[in-house]
Amino acid sequence: MTSDSSERPTPTMNPPENPSASRRLISIDAYRGFVMFLMMAEVLRLCAVASAIPSSALWKALCHHQEHVEWVGCVLHDMIQPSFSFLVGVALPFSLAGRVARGQSRLRMSLHAFWRAFLLVALGVALRSVGRHHTNYTFEDTLSQIGMGYGFLFLLALCPRKVQWISLITILVGYWSAFALYPLPGSDFDYSQAGVPADWPHHLHGFAAHWNKNTNLAWAFDRWFLNLFPRQRPFAFNGGGYATLSFIPTLATMILGLLAGGVLQSERPARSKVTWLVVAGLISFAMGLGLGEFGICPIVKRIWTPSWVLYSGGISFLFLAGFFSLTDVAGWRGWAFPLRVIGMNSIAAYCMSGLLEGFFHERLTAHLGPDAFKILGAAYEPFLHGAAVLLILWLILFWMYRRSIFLRI
């Protein structure tokens, strides 16, 4: 944890002549805050309201975008993890420049990076073990996935951009090839051992079947790897289809962010930066969509397929371009303040979301009564109750912000 008044934003509302010269880019914090808000906003229980008002197209649409897709495709909620991973890469060139300016050696910076990577993995495992009698050794959560690739990302940040591009392509092609070469299950395969009904409607067919749920290379790896750790019972499958090996293509997502961060940090004009981000976003999105549409590689977030890296990376580029244009170029910063409060303390927000939402939910009911949030009717009670919890969490983050208390790993 750090307390550093230099992290506080400058009070000026005028855009800098060269946004990259600013110590912090407002857009990075705002975008990160938006992503963390989407995660924290799960407490709003939009689907509970949609279920209570089945005739409302609005609540149905809101519910749709607060749930993950079953397998192929993407909704807004699916963009939380790739955006967070992408932003790790975006922020790294600025962090690296700051450490170089403070006179830190490459060895010291590298040791810190791998120590940070270890702490991220450990924190991810710890949060997934809360409420359990035994440590839950799984590594598919956001923090663990980022941590497992962060050390390599840091080493790439020290390399020329050409090496970063080559590494990105190598990961995408290599990971695709590994899945494509892994044999498909035979006709007598017992899908129950993989936790997937044989008639599951989201099964892929033909060549795309190499990326089916819990019958792919990553699933096979976890059936070996996760059973190396002490467990209450042997690991057979992940119910959501998530996998440890996804940290490899997640590294590719972070490299996309690293490339974007390099552009933002450069001396090129602001308009040129925006153009680069938009063009990169459109190309990446189109490539990912094309790989999925032509049956080369389905767009599956849960196993982080190469097409998902490009598809979600394209959207992340475009989001970053939008936030950068509005805040750091146009100078419209006031609207982003609530998001920055969250984004500048993203680790705290992540932990609070997992540990405190339930606590405050129960306390509000205990102290205000079960009918306190039914003022608009029972249908809206889950939303109002969740909004109150979300406000409390934001106020805690605001209190930390005002006192320059920021959790850092």
Protein backbone atom coordinates (compact mmCIF):
# COMPACT_ATOMS: atom_id res chain seq x y z
CA MET A 1 0.00 0.00 0.00
CA THR A 2 1.29 3.44 -0.84
CA SER A 3 0.33 6.94 0.19
CA ASP A 4 1.65 9.36 -2.38
CA SER A 5 0.24 12.81 -3.02
CA SER A 6 1.85 12.79 -6.46
CA GLU A 7 -0.79 10.27 -7.52
CA ARG A 8 -3.50 12.90 -7.00
CA PRO A 9 -4.79 14.48 -10.22
CA THR A 10 -3.85 17.96 -11.27
CA PRO A 11 -6.72 20.42 -10.70
CA THR A 12 -6.45 22.01 -14.12
CA MET A 13 -9.17 21.25 -16.67
CA ASN A 14 -7.20 22.46 -19.68
CA PRO A 15 -5.81 19.77 -22.00
CA PRO A 16 -2.01 19.56 -22.07
CA GLU A 17 -0.27 20.42 -25.32
CA ASN A 18 1.36 17.00 -25.26
CA PRO A 19 -0.80 14.51 -23.33
CA SER A 20 2.02 11.97 -23.16
CA ALA A 21 4.04 14.44 -21.12
CA SER A 22 1.54 14.17 -18.25
CA ARG A 23 2.62 12.03 -15.33
CA ARG A 24 -0.62 10.09 -15.51
CA LEU A 25 -3.02 9.81 -18.40
CA ILE A 26 -6.56 10.44 -17.24
CA SER A 27 -7.85 8.06 -19.90
CA ILE A 28 -6.05 5.02 -18.48
CA ASP A 29 -7.47 5.52 -15.00
CA ALA A 30 -10.93 6.33 -16.37
CA TYR A 31 -11.03 3.28 -18.64
CA ARG A 32 -9.78 1.05 -15.82
CA GLY A 33 -12.40 2.56 -13.52
CA PHE A 34 -15.12 1.85 -16.07
CA VAL A 35 -14.02 -1.78 -16.28
CA MET A 36 -13.94 -2.19 -12.51
CA PHE A 37 -17.34 -0.51 -12.24
CA LEU A 38 -18.79 -3.12 -14.59
CA MET A 39 -17.42 -5.83 -12.33
CA MET A 40 -18.62 -4.18 -9.11
CA ALA A 41 -22.01 -3.49 -10.69
CA GLU A 42 -22.85 -7.19 -10.63
CA VAL A 43 -24.37 -6.35 -7.23
CA LEU A 44 -27.12 -4.43 -9.06
CA ARG A 45 -28.65 -7.80 -10.05
CA LEU A 46 -30.07 -6.53 -13.30
CA CYS A 47 -31.26 -9.99 -14.31
CA ALA A 48 -33.38 -10.27 -11.16
CA VAL A 49 -35.20 -7.09 -12.20
CA ALA A 50 -35.52 -8.33 -15.79
CA SER A 51 -37.04 -11.58 -14.51
CA ALA A 52 -39.56 -9.62 -12.44
CA ILE A 53 -40.48 -7.40 -15.42
CA PRO A 54 -40.40 -9.80 -18.39
CA SER A 55 -42.17 -7.33 -20.66
CA SER A 56 -39.37 -4.73 -20.41
CA ALA A 57 -36.97 -4.81 -23.36
CA LEU A 58 -34.65 -2.40 -21.54
CA TRP A 59 -34.13 -4.58 -18.49
CA LYS A 60 -33.81 -7.64 -20.72
CA ALA A 61 -31.01 -5.92 -22.65
CA LEU A 62 -29.28 -4.81 -19.44
CA CYS A 63 -29.48 -8.36 -18.11
CA HIS A 64 -28.08 -9.73 -21.37
CA HIS A 65 -24.98 -7.58 -21.02
CA GLN A 66 -24.42 -8.46 -17.36
CA GLU A 67 -24.09 -12.18 -18.01
CA HIS A 68 -21.28 -14.03 -19.76
CA VAL A 69 -22.09 -15.82 -22.99
CA GLU A 70 -22.23 -19.60 -22.69
CA TRP A 71 -19.37 -20.21 -25.10
CA VAL A 72 -18.99 -18.44 -28.47
CA GLY A 73 -19.54 -14.69 -28.72
CA CYS A 74 -19.31 -11.61 -26.55
CA VAL A 75 -21.41 -9.23 -24.47
CA LEU A 76 -20.26 -6.19 -22.50
CA HIS A 77 -19.65 -8.23 -19.34
CA ASP A 78 -17.22 -10.44 -21.25
CA MET A 79 -15.04 -7.39 -21.89
CA ILE A 80 -14.14 -6.90 -18.22
CA GLN A 81 -11.21 -9.32 -18.03
CA PRO A 82 -9.66 -8.55 -21.45
CA SER A 83 -9.93 -4.81 -20.83
CA PHE A 84 -8.27 -5.12 -17.44
CA SER A 85 -5.50 -7.29 -18.94
CA PHE A 86 -5.09 -4.91 -21.88
CA LEU A 87 -4.72 -1.94 -19.52
CA VAL A 88 -1.94 -3.71 -17.61
CA GLY A 89 0.03 -3.56 -20.83
CA VAL A 90 -0.97 0.04 -21.56
CA ALA A 91 0.25 1.26 -18.18
CA LEU A 92 3.56 -0.64 -18.23
CA PRO A 93 5.58 1.76 -20.46
CA PHE A 94 4.67 4.66 -18.15
CA SER A 95 5.58 2.64 -15.06
CA LEU A 96 8.84 1.55 -16.63
CA ALA A 97 9.73 5.13 -17.58
CA GLY A 98 9.06 6.28 -14.03
CA ARG A 99 11.34 3.62 -12.57
CA VAL A 100 14.10 4.43 -15.04
CA ALA A 101 13.78 8.12 -14.11
CA ARG A 102 14.27 7.14 -10.45
CA GLY A 103 17.53 5.42 -11.37
CA GLN A 104 16.44 1.80 -10.87
CA SER A 105 18.55 -0.83 -12.61
CA ARG A 106 17.10 -3.36 -15.01
CA LEU A 107 17.89 -6.15 -12.58
CA ARG A 108 16.02 -4.44 -9.76
CA MET A 109 13.05 -3.67 -12.00
CA SER A 110 12.95 -7.25 -13.29
CA LEU A 111 13.05 -8.73 -9.79
CA HIS A 112 10.23 -6.41 -8.75
CA ALA A 113 8.19 -7.41 -11.81
CA PHE A 114 8.46 -11.13 -11.06
CA TRP A 115 7.76 -10.53 -7.37
CA ARG A 116 4.66 -8.58 -8.39
CA ALA A 117 3.67 -11.44 -10.70
CA PHE A 118 3.94 -13.91 -7.83
CA LEU A 119 1.85 -11.69 -5.54
CA LEU A 120 -0.87 -11.34 -8.19
CA VAL A 121 -1.12 -15.11 -8.56
CA ALA A 122 -1.11 -15.60 -4.79
CA LEU A 123 -3.79 -12.95 -4.29
CA GLY A 124 -5.94 -14.55 -6.97
CA VAL A 125 -5.70 -17.95 -5.28
CA ALA A 126 -6.38 -16.40 -1.87
CA LEU A 127 -9.53 -14.61 -3.04
CA ARG A 128 -10.82 -17.79 -4.67
CA SER A 129 -10.20 -19.66 -1.41
CA VAL A 130 -12.25 -17.33 0.82
CA GLY A 131 -14.97 -19.27 2.60
CA ARG A 132 -13.40 -22.64 1.85
CA HIS A 133 -11.83 -25.09 4.28
CA HIS A 134 -8.89 -25.71 1.94
CA THR A 135 -6.87 -23.58 -0.45
CA ASN A 136 -8.51 -23.58 -3.87
CA TYR A 137 -5.56 -24.01 -6.20
CA THR A 138 -6.97 -22.79 -9.49
CA PHE A 139 -5.41 -20.16 -11.72
CA GLU A 140 -8.10 -19.08 -14.17
CA ASP A 141 -9.15 -15.89 -12.37
CA THR A 142 -8.17 -12.45 -13.66
CA LEU A 143 -5.38 -11.70 -11.18
CA SER A 144 -3.74 -15.12 -11.52
CA GLN A 145 -3.90 -15.01 -15.30
CA ILE A 146 -2.28 -11.59 -15.38
CA GLY A 147 0.30 -12.59 -12.79
CA MET A 148 1.38 -15.71 -14.68
CA GLY A 149 2.22 -13.63 -17.73
CA TYR A 150 3.31 -10.35 -16.17
CA GLY A 151 6.99 -11.19 -15.75
CA PHE A 152 7.26 -12.08 -19.43
CA LEU A 153 5.36 -8.93 -20.35
CA PHE A 154 7.86 -6.84 -18.40
CA LEU A 155 10.80 -8.45 -20.21
CA LEU A 156 9.10 -7.72 -23.53
CA ALA A 157 8.63 -4.10 -22.46
CA LEU A 158 12.42 -3.84 -22.35
CA CYS A 159 12.67 -5.09 -25.94
CA PRO A 160 12.24 -3.21 -29.24
CA ARG A 161 8.69 -2.99 -30.64
CA LYS A 162 9.68 -5.41 -33.41
CA VAL A 163 10.30 -8.11 -30.81
CA GLN A 164 6.94 -7.33 -29.19
CA TRP A 165 5.13 -7.76 -32.51
CA ILE A 166 6.97 -11.01 -33.25
CA SER A 167 6.12 -12.34 -29.78
CA LEU A 168 2.44 -11.44 -30.27
CA ILE A 169 2.24 -13.27 -33.59
CA THR A 170 4.16 -16.27 -32.24
CA ILE A 171 1.79 -16.65 -29.30
CA LEU A 172 -1.33 -16.37 -31.45
CA VAL A 173 -0.15 -18.79 -34.13
CA GLY A 174 1.47 -21.20 -31.69
CA TYR A 175 -1.53 -21.36 -29.36
CA TRP A 176 -3.90 -21.85 -32.29
CA SER A 177 -1.72 -24.63 -33.67
CA ALA A 178 -1.53 -26.44 -30.32
CA PHE A 179 -5.33 -26.58 -30.05
CA ALA A 180 -5.79 -27.48 -33.71
CA LEU A 181 -3.36 -30.41 -33.41
CA TYR A 182 -4.85 -31.78 -30.19
CA PRO A 183 -7.00 -34.83 -31.12
CA LEU A 184 -10.77 -34.60 -30.96
CA PRO A 185 -12.64 -36.92 -28.58
CA GLY A 186 -13.78 -40.19 -30.10
CA SER A 187 -17.37 -41.13 -30.81
CA ASP A 188 -17.48 -43.15 -27.57
CA PHE A 189 -16.24 -40.24 -25.40
CA ASP A 190 -18.08 -39.92 -22.09
CA TYR A 191 -18.94 -36.23 -21.90
CA SER A 192 -20.09 -36.57 -18.29
CA GLN A 193 -16.44 -36.85 -17.22
CA ALA A 194 -15.92 -33.39 -18.72
CA GLY A 195 -19.00 -31.86 -17.12
CA VAL A 196 -20.67 -31.18 -20.46
CA PRO A 197 -23.90 -32.85 -21.61
CA ALA A 198 -23.49 -34.72 -24.88
CA ASP A 199 -26.42 -32.73 -26.30
CA TRP A 200 -25.19 -29.35 -25.04
CA PRO A 201 -26.50 -26.84 -27.63
CA HIS A 202 -23.24 -24.89 -27.71
CA HIS A 203 -21.11 -27.77 -28.96
CA LEU A 204 -19.02 -26.79 -31.98
CA HIS A 205 -18.70 -29.11 -34.96
CA GLY A 206 -16.14 -29.78 -37.65
CA PHE A 207 -12.75 -28.13 -37.30
CA ALA A 208 -14.09 -25.71 -34.67
CA ALA A 209 -14.67 -28.69 -32.34
CA HIS A 210 -11.01 -28.41 -31.34
CA TRP A 211 -12.16 -25.53 -29.16
CA ASN A 212 -15.13 -27.24 -27.51
CA LYS A 213 -15.75 -26.94 -23.80
CA ASN A 214 -13.67 -29.28 -21.60
CA THR A 215 -12.50 -31.52 -24.41
CA ASN A 216 -9.63 -29.33 -25.59
CA LEU A 217 -5.89 -29.07 -24.96
CA ALA A 218 -6.22 -26.67 -22.02
CA TRP A 219 -8.70 -28.96 -20.28
CA ALA A 220 -6.33 -31.90 -20.69
CA PHE A 221 -3.48 -29.85 -19.26
CA ASP A 222 -5.49 -28.90 -16.17
CA ARG A 223 -6.49 -32.52 -15.54
CA TRP A 224 -2.75 -33.12 -15.05
CA PHE A 225 -1.50 -29.79 -13.67
CA LEU A 226 -4.18 -28.95 -11.10
CA ASN A 227 -4.00 -32.42 -9.61
CA LEU A 228 -0.38 -31.76 -8.66
CA PHE A 229 -1.75 -29.53 -5.87
CA PRO A 230 -3.47 -30.77 -2.71
CA ARG A 231 -7.21 -31.02 -3.33
CA GLN A 232 -10.26 -32.32 -1.51
CA ARG A 233 -11.04 -34.40 -4.58
CA PRO A 234 -9.30 -34.87 -7.93
CA PHE A 235 -9.81 -32.13 -10.49
CA ALA A 236 -11.89 -33.35 -13.44
CA PHE A 237 -13.12 -30.19 -15.14
CA ASN A 238 -13.92 -26.52 -14.64
CA GLY A 239 -17.66 -25.93 -14.68
CA GLY A 240 -17.30 -22.79 -16.79
CA GLY A 241 -14.69 -24.26 -19.11
CA TYR A 242 -12.00 -21.84 -17.91
CA ALA A 243 -8.39 -23.01 -18.02
CA THR A 244 -4.95 -22.26 -16.59
CA LEU A 245 -3.25 -22.18 -19.99
CA SER A 246 -5.33 -19.15 -20.95
CA PHE A 247 -2.58 -17.07 -19.37
CA ILE A 248 -0.61 -17.57 -22.59
CA PRO A 249 -3.08 -15.82 -24.91
CA THR A 250 -3.84 -13.40 -22.05
CA LEU A 251 -0.20 -12.40 -22.38
CA ALA A 252 -0.97 -11.65 -26.04
CA THR A 253 -3.79 -9.36 -24.91
CA MET A 254 -1.38 -7.58 -22.58
CA ILE A 255 1.11 -7.22 -25.44
CA LEU A 256 -1.58 -5.46 -27.46
CA GLY A 257 -1.92 -3.10 -24.53
CA LEU A 258 1.85 -2.71 -24.34
CA LEU A 259 1.91 -1.64 -28.00
CA ALA A 260 -0.91 0.84 -27.35
CA GLY A 261 0.89 2.21 -24.30
CA GLY A 262 4.02 2.74 -26.36
CA VAL A 263 2.04 4.81 -28.83
CA LEU A 264 0.45 6.91 -26.08
CA GLN A 265 3.84 7.50 -24.50
CA SER A 266 5.44 8.52 -27.78
CA GLU A 267 5.99 12.10 -28.97
CA ARG A 268 3.67 11.80 -31.95
CA PRO A 269 0.77 14.32 -32.08
CA ALA A 270 -2.36 13.50 -30.08
CA ARG A 271 -4.51 13.21 -33.20
CA SER A 272 -2.04 10.73 -34.67
CA LYS A 273 -2.27 8.65 -31.48
CA VAL A 274 -6.04 8.56 -31.69
CA THR A 275 -5.88 7.56 -35.35
CA TRP A 276 -3.41 4.76 -34.58
CA LEU A 277 -5.64 3.38 -31.81
CA VAL A 278 -8.77 3.51 -33.96
CA VAL A 279 -7.12 1.89 -36.98
CA ALA A 280 -5.48 -0.78 -34.81
CA GLY A 281 -8.82 -1.42 -33.13
CA LEU A 282 -10.73 -1.81 -36.37
CA ILE A 283 -8.09 -4.09 -37.92
CA SER A 284 -7.80 -6.26 -34.81
CA PHE A 285 -11.57 -6.51 -34.42
CA ALA A 286 -12.04 -7.41 -38.07
CA MET A 287 -9.33 -10.06 -37.94
CA GLY A 288 -10.80 -11.70 -34.87
CA LEU A 289 -14.30 -11.60 -36.31
CA GLY A 290 -13.07 -13.00 -39.61
CA LEU A 291 -11.28 -15.93 -37.96
CA GLY A 292 -14.50 -16.81 -36.19
CA GLU A 293 -16.82 -16.33 -39.16
CA PHE A 294 -14.68 -18.39 -41.53
CA GLY A 295 -14.40 -21.28 -39.06
CA ILE A 296 -10.66 -20.92 -38.54
CA CYS A 297 -10.91 -20.22 -34.82
CA PRO A 298 -14.09 -19.55 -32.81
CA ILE A 299 -14.34 -16.46 -30.61
CA VAL A 300 -14.41 -17.99 -27.12
CA LYS A 301 -13.53 -15.86 -24.12
CA ARG A 302 -13.59 -18.72 -21.60
CA ILE A 303 -10.53 -20.38 -23.17
CA TRP A 304 -9.15 -17.13 -24.63
CA THR A 305 -8.84 -18.28 -28.21
CA PRO A 306 -6.51 -16.32 -30.52
CA SER A 307 -9.55 -14.94 -32.32
CA TRP A 308 -10.83 -13.71 -28.94
CA VAL A 309 -7.50 -11.97 -28.34
CA LEU A 310 -7.89 -10.03 -31.58
CA TYR A 311 -11.64 -9.45 -31.29
CA SER A 312 -11.61 -8.23 -27.68
CA GLY A 313 -8.30 -6.45 -28.25
CA GLY A 314 -9.88 -4.49 -31.08
CA ILE A 315 -12.71 -3.39 -28.80
CA SER A 316 -10.18 -2.44 -26.11
CA PHE A 317 -8.24 -0.30 -28.59
CA LEU A 318 -11.44 1.53 -29.50
CA PHE A 319 -12.46 2.03 -25.88
CA LEU A 320 -9.01 3.44 -25.11
CA ALA A 321 -9.20 5.73 -28.13
CA GLY A 322 -12.55 7.05 -26.91
CA PHE A 323 -11.40 7.68 -23.34
CA PHE A 324 -8.13 9.23 -24.53
CA SER A 325 -9.91 11.54 -26.98
CA LEU A 326 -12.43 12.78 -24.43
CA THR A 327 -10.19 13.22 -21.39
CA ASP A 328 -6.56 13.75 -22.40
CA VAL A 329 -7.10 15.38 -25.80
CA ALA A 330 -10.38 17.30 -25.54
CA GLY A 331 -9.83 17.96 -21.85
CA TRP A 332 -13.31 16.86 -20.74
CA ARG A 333 -12.25 15.33 -17.46
CA GLY A 334 -14.92 16.16 -14.92
CA TRP A 335 -17.34 13.44 -16.04
CA ALA A 336 -14.63 10.80 -15.58
CA PHE A 337 -13.89 11.64 -11.93
CA PRO A 338 -16.15 8.93 -10.40
CA LEU A 339 -14.48 6.37 -12.66
CA ARG A 340 -10.99 7.60 -11.80
CA VAL A 341 -11.70 7.14 -8.10
CA ILE A 342 -12.23 3.46 -8.87
CA GLY A 343 -9.55 3.12 -11.53
CA MET A 344 -6.75 4.60 -9.44
CA ASN A 345 -7.41 1.97 -6.77
CA SER A 346 -8.29 -1.00 -8.95
CA ILE A 347 -6.71 -3.65 -6.70
CA ALA A 348 -8.68 -2.32 -3.72
CA ALA A 349 -11.85 -2.24 -5.83
CA TYR A 350 -11.25 -5.81 -7.00
CA CYS A 351 -10.77 -7.11 -3.46
CA MET A 352 -13.71 -5.12 -2.07
CA SER A 353 -15.98 -6.47 -4.77
CA GLY A 354 -15.16 -10.02 -3.80
CA LEU A 355 -15.05 -9.59 -0.03
CA LEU A 356 -17.39 -6.79 1.02
CA GLU A 357 -20.39 -6.75 -1.30
CA GLY A 358 -22.13 -9.57 0.57
CA PHE A 359 -21.25 -8.07 3.95
CA PHE A 360 -22.79 -4.68 3.19
CA HIS A 361 -25.77 -6.31 1.50
CA GLU A 362 -26.58 -8.18 4.72
CA ARG A 363 -25.87 -5.16 6.98
CA LEU A 364 -28.22 -2.91 5.02
CA THR A 365 -31.02 -5.44 5.33
CA ALA A 366 -30.34 -5.95 9.03
CA HIS A 367 -30.30 -2.24 9.89
CA LEU A 368 -32.87 -0.82 7.46
CA GLY A 369 -35.27 -3.74 7.27
CA PRO A 370 -36.19 -6.10 4.42
CA ASP A 371 -38.63 -3.59 2.86
CA ALA A 372 -36.32 -0.56 2.84
CA PHE A 373 -35.59 -0.82 -0.86
CA LYS A 374 -39.09 -1.64 -2.09
CA ILE A 375 -40.11 2.01 -2.45
CA LEU A 376 -40.47 1.51 -6.22
CA GLY A 377 -42.02 -1.92 -5.84
CA ALA A 378 -40.67 -5.40 -5.19
CA ALA A 379 -39.43 -5.73 -8.78
CA TYR A 380 -36.85 -2.98 -8.33
CA GLU A 381 -35.73 -3.99 -4.84
CA PRO A 382 -32.63 -5.96 -6.03
CA PHE A 383 -31.45 -3.00 -8.09
CA LEU A 384 -31.93 -0.37 -5.36
CA HIS A 385 -30.39 -2.63 -2.75
CA GLY A 386 -27.39 -3.25 -4.97
CA ALA A 387 -27.08 0.45 -5.81
CA ALA A 388 -26.83 1.24 -2.10
CA VAL A 389 -24.04 -1.33 -1.68
CA LEU A 390 -22.26 0.02 -4.75
CA LEU A 391 -22.46 3.56 -3.39
CA ILE A 392 -20.92 2.47 -0.09
CA LEU A 393 -18.04 0.77 -1.88
CA TRP A 394 -17.45 3.87 -4.02
CA LEU A 395 -17.48 6.12 -0.93
CA ILE A 396 -14.81 3.92 0.68
CA LEU A 397 -12.69 4.27 -2.46
CA PHE A 398 -13.34 8.01 -2.46
CA TRP A 399 -12.20 8.21 1.18
CA MET A 400 -9.00 6.39 0.21
CA TYR A 401 -8.55 8.68 -2.80
CA ARG A 402 -8.90 11.83 -0.69
CA ARG A 403 -6.21 10.53 1.65
CA SER A 404 -3.94 9.34 -1.17
CA ILE A 405 -4.18 5.72 -0.07
CA PHE A 406 -3.64 3.45 -3.04
CA LEU A 407 -3.13 -0.31 -2.90
CA ARG A 408 -0.20 -1.31 -5.06
CA ILE A 409 1.40 -4.67 -5.71
